[in-house]
Amino acid sequence: MKKFLVLLIVAAFASFSVVAQETKDYKQDRTEWEKKIKDELKLTPEQTQKYDALNSEYNPKFDAIMNDASLSKDVQKEKKMALKKEKEAKMMEFLTPEQQTKYREIVDKKKKEMEKQ
C-alpha cells in the first residue's frame, strides 16, 4: 500500500511538471513568434507599438481558451482560430501591402512546418 501511495505521488508530481513545461513552451514559442514577425516584417516603431498593443489585447484571450478545461480540444482550436483571424484582420490594417504579403508567406511556411510534425 505504501509503495502504491508513493508511486501515485510521484506520478502526480510528474504530470504537474509536464503541464507546467507545456505552458512555458507555449509562451516561449509565442514570444519567439512575435519577435520573428517584428524582425522579418521590419516593423516601424509606430507599427511595433500597434503590434505590441494587439498582442497585449489578444494574448490573454488565447491563454483563457488554452486554460479552459471545460472546452474540448476541438472547441479550443475553433475558438483560437476565430481569435487568430480577428487579430490578423486588425494587424493587416497597419501593415503595408508588402508586409502583408511577407506575413502570409511566414504563416504559410509555419503551417507547412507544423504539418510535418
Protein backbone atom coordinates (compact mmCIF):
# COMPACT_ATOMS: atom_id res chain seq x y z
CA MET A 1 0.00 0.00 0.00
CA LYS A 2 2.82 2.40 0.86
CA LYS A 3 4.55 1.65 -2.45
CA PHE A 4 1.33 2.40 -4.30
CA LEU A 5 0.89 5.70 -2.44
CA VAL A 6 4.49 6.74 -3.18
CA LEU A 7 4.05 5.79 -6.83
CA LEU A 8 0.83 7.80 -7.00
CA ILE A 9 2.54 10.87 -5.51
CA VAL A 10 5.49 10.58 -7.92
CA ALA A 11 3.10 10.27 -10.86
CA ALA A 12 1.18 13.36 -9.71
CA PHE A 13 4.35 15.45 -9.48
CA ALA A 14 5.48 14.25 -12.89
CA SER A 15 2.18 15.21 -14.51
CA PHE A 16 2.26 18.68 -12.91
CA SER A 17 5.77 19.19 -14.27
CA VAL A 18 4.68 18.24 -17.78
CA VAL A 19 1.73 20.66 -17.71
CA ALA A 20 3.94 23.47 -16.42
CA GLN A 21 6.52 22.73 -19.13
CA GLU A 22 3.87 22.77 -21.88
CA THR A 23 2.63 26.18 -20.70
CA LYS A 24 6.17 27.52 -20.57
CA ASP A 25 6.94 26.20 -24.06
CA TYR A 26 3.71 27.68 -25.44
CA LYS A 27 4.51 31.12 -24.04
CA GLN A 28 8.15 30.90 -25.14
CA ASP A 29 7.06 29.88 -28.66
CA ARG A 30 4.64 32.82 -28.76
CA THR A 31 7.37 35.25 -27.66
CA GLU A 32 9.73 33.91 -30.31
CA TRP A 33 6.99 34.17 -32.95
CA GLU A 34 6.25 37.78 -32.02
CA LYS A 35 9.94 38.69 -32.25
CA LYS A 36 10.23 36.93 -35.61
CA ILE A 37 7.28 38.88 -37.00
CA LYS A 38 8.73 42.20 -35.83
CA ASP A 39 12.16 41.39 -37.28
CA GLU A 40 11.15 39.85 -40.59
CA LEU A 41 8.46 42.39 -41.39
CA LYS A 42 10.79 45.21 -40.33
CA LEU A 43 8.03 46.96 -38.42
CA THR A 44 8.39 50.69 -37.88
CA PRO A 45 8.34 51.98 -34.29
CA GLU A 46 4.71 53.01 -34.76
CA GLN A 47 3.80 49.58 -36.18
CA THR A 48 5.69 47.86 -33.36
CA GLN A 49 3.67 49.82 -30.82
CA LYS A 50 0.41 48.80 -32.52
CA TYR A 51 1.57 45.18 -32.81
CA ASP A 52 2.51 45.07 -29.12
CA ALA A 53 -0.87 46.57 -28.18
CA LEU A 54 -2.61 43.95 -30.30
CA ASN A 55 -0.67 41.17 -28.58
CA SER A 56 -1.48 42.65 -25.16
CA GLU A 57 -5.15 42.56 -26.09
CA TYR A 58 -5.25 39.08 -27.60
CA ASN A 59 -2.67 37.02 -25.67
CA PRO A 60 -4.82 36.88 -22.51
CA LYS A 61 -7.77 35.76 -24.64
CA PHE A 62 -5.69 32.93 -26.14
CA ASP A 63 -4.45 31.97 -22.66
CA ALA A 64 -8.01 31.86 -21.33
CA ILE A 65 -9.03 29.46 -24.09
CA MET A 66 -5.97 27.27 -23.52
CA ASN A 67 -6.64 27.11 -19.78
CA ASP A 68 -10.38 26.42 -20.03
CA ALA A 69 -10.58 22.74 -19.11
CA SER A 70 -14.32 22.69 -19.86
CA LEU A 71 -13.59 23.06 -23.59
CA SER A 72 -12.70 20.09 -25.76
CA LYS A 73 -9.56 20.30 -27.88
CA ASP A 74 -11.69 20.78 -31.00
CA VAL A 75 -13.65 23.65 -29.45
CA GLN A 76 -10.41 25.23 -28.20
CA LYS A 77 -8.98 25.00 -31.71
CA GLU A 78 -12.10 26.60 -33.24
CA LYS A 79 -12.08 29.46 -30.75
CA LYS A 80 -8.34 30.05 -31.20
CA MET A 81 -8.72 30.11 -34.99
CA ALA A 82 -11.57 32.65 -34.76
CA LEU A 83 -9.46 34.86 -32.47
CA LYS A 84 -6.45 34.49 -34.76
CA LYS A 85 -8.49 35.65 -37.78
CA GLU A 86 -9.84 38.61 -35.82
CA LYS A 87 -6.34 39.58 -34.63
CA GLU A 88 -4.84 39.20 -38.12
CA ALA A 89 -7.57 41.39 -39.63
CA LYS A 90 -6.68 44.17 -37.19
CA MET A 91 -2.98 43.68 -37.89
CA MET A 92 -3.48 43.97 -41.65
CA GLU A 93 -4.89 47.46 -41.07
CA PHE A 94 -1.46 48.83 -40.15
CA LEU A 95 0.81 46.67 -42.32
CA THR A 96 1.91 47.82 -45.76
CA PRO A 97 0.91 45.65 -48.74
CA GLU A 98 4.48 44.31 -48.91
CA GLN A 99 4.44 43.43 -45.21
CA GLN A 100 1.06 41.73 -45.61
CA THR A 101 2.48 39.54 -48.39
CA LYS A 102 5.57 38.73 -46.33
CA TYR A 103 3.39 37.93 -43.29
CA ARG A 104 1.29 35.48 -45.30
CA GLU A 105 4.48 33.81 -46.57
CA ILE A 106 5.77 33.43 -43.00
CA VAL A 107 2.45 31.99 -41.82
CA ASP A 108 2.27 29.56 -44.75
CA LYS A 109 5.81 28.38 -44.05
CA LYS A 110 4.94 27.89 -40.36
CA LYS A 111 1.82 25.89 -41.29
CA LYS A 112 3.87 23.60 -43.51
CA GLU A 113 6.39 23.04 -40.72
CA MET A 114 3.58 22.22 -38.29
CA GLU A 115 2.04 19.72 -40.70
CA LYS A 116 5.35 17.83 -40.91
CA GLN A 117 5.41 17.32 -37.15
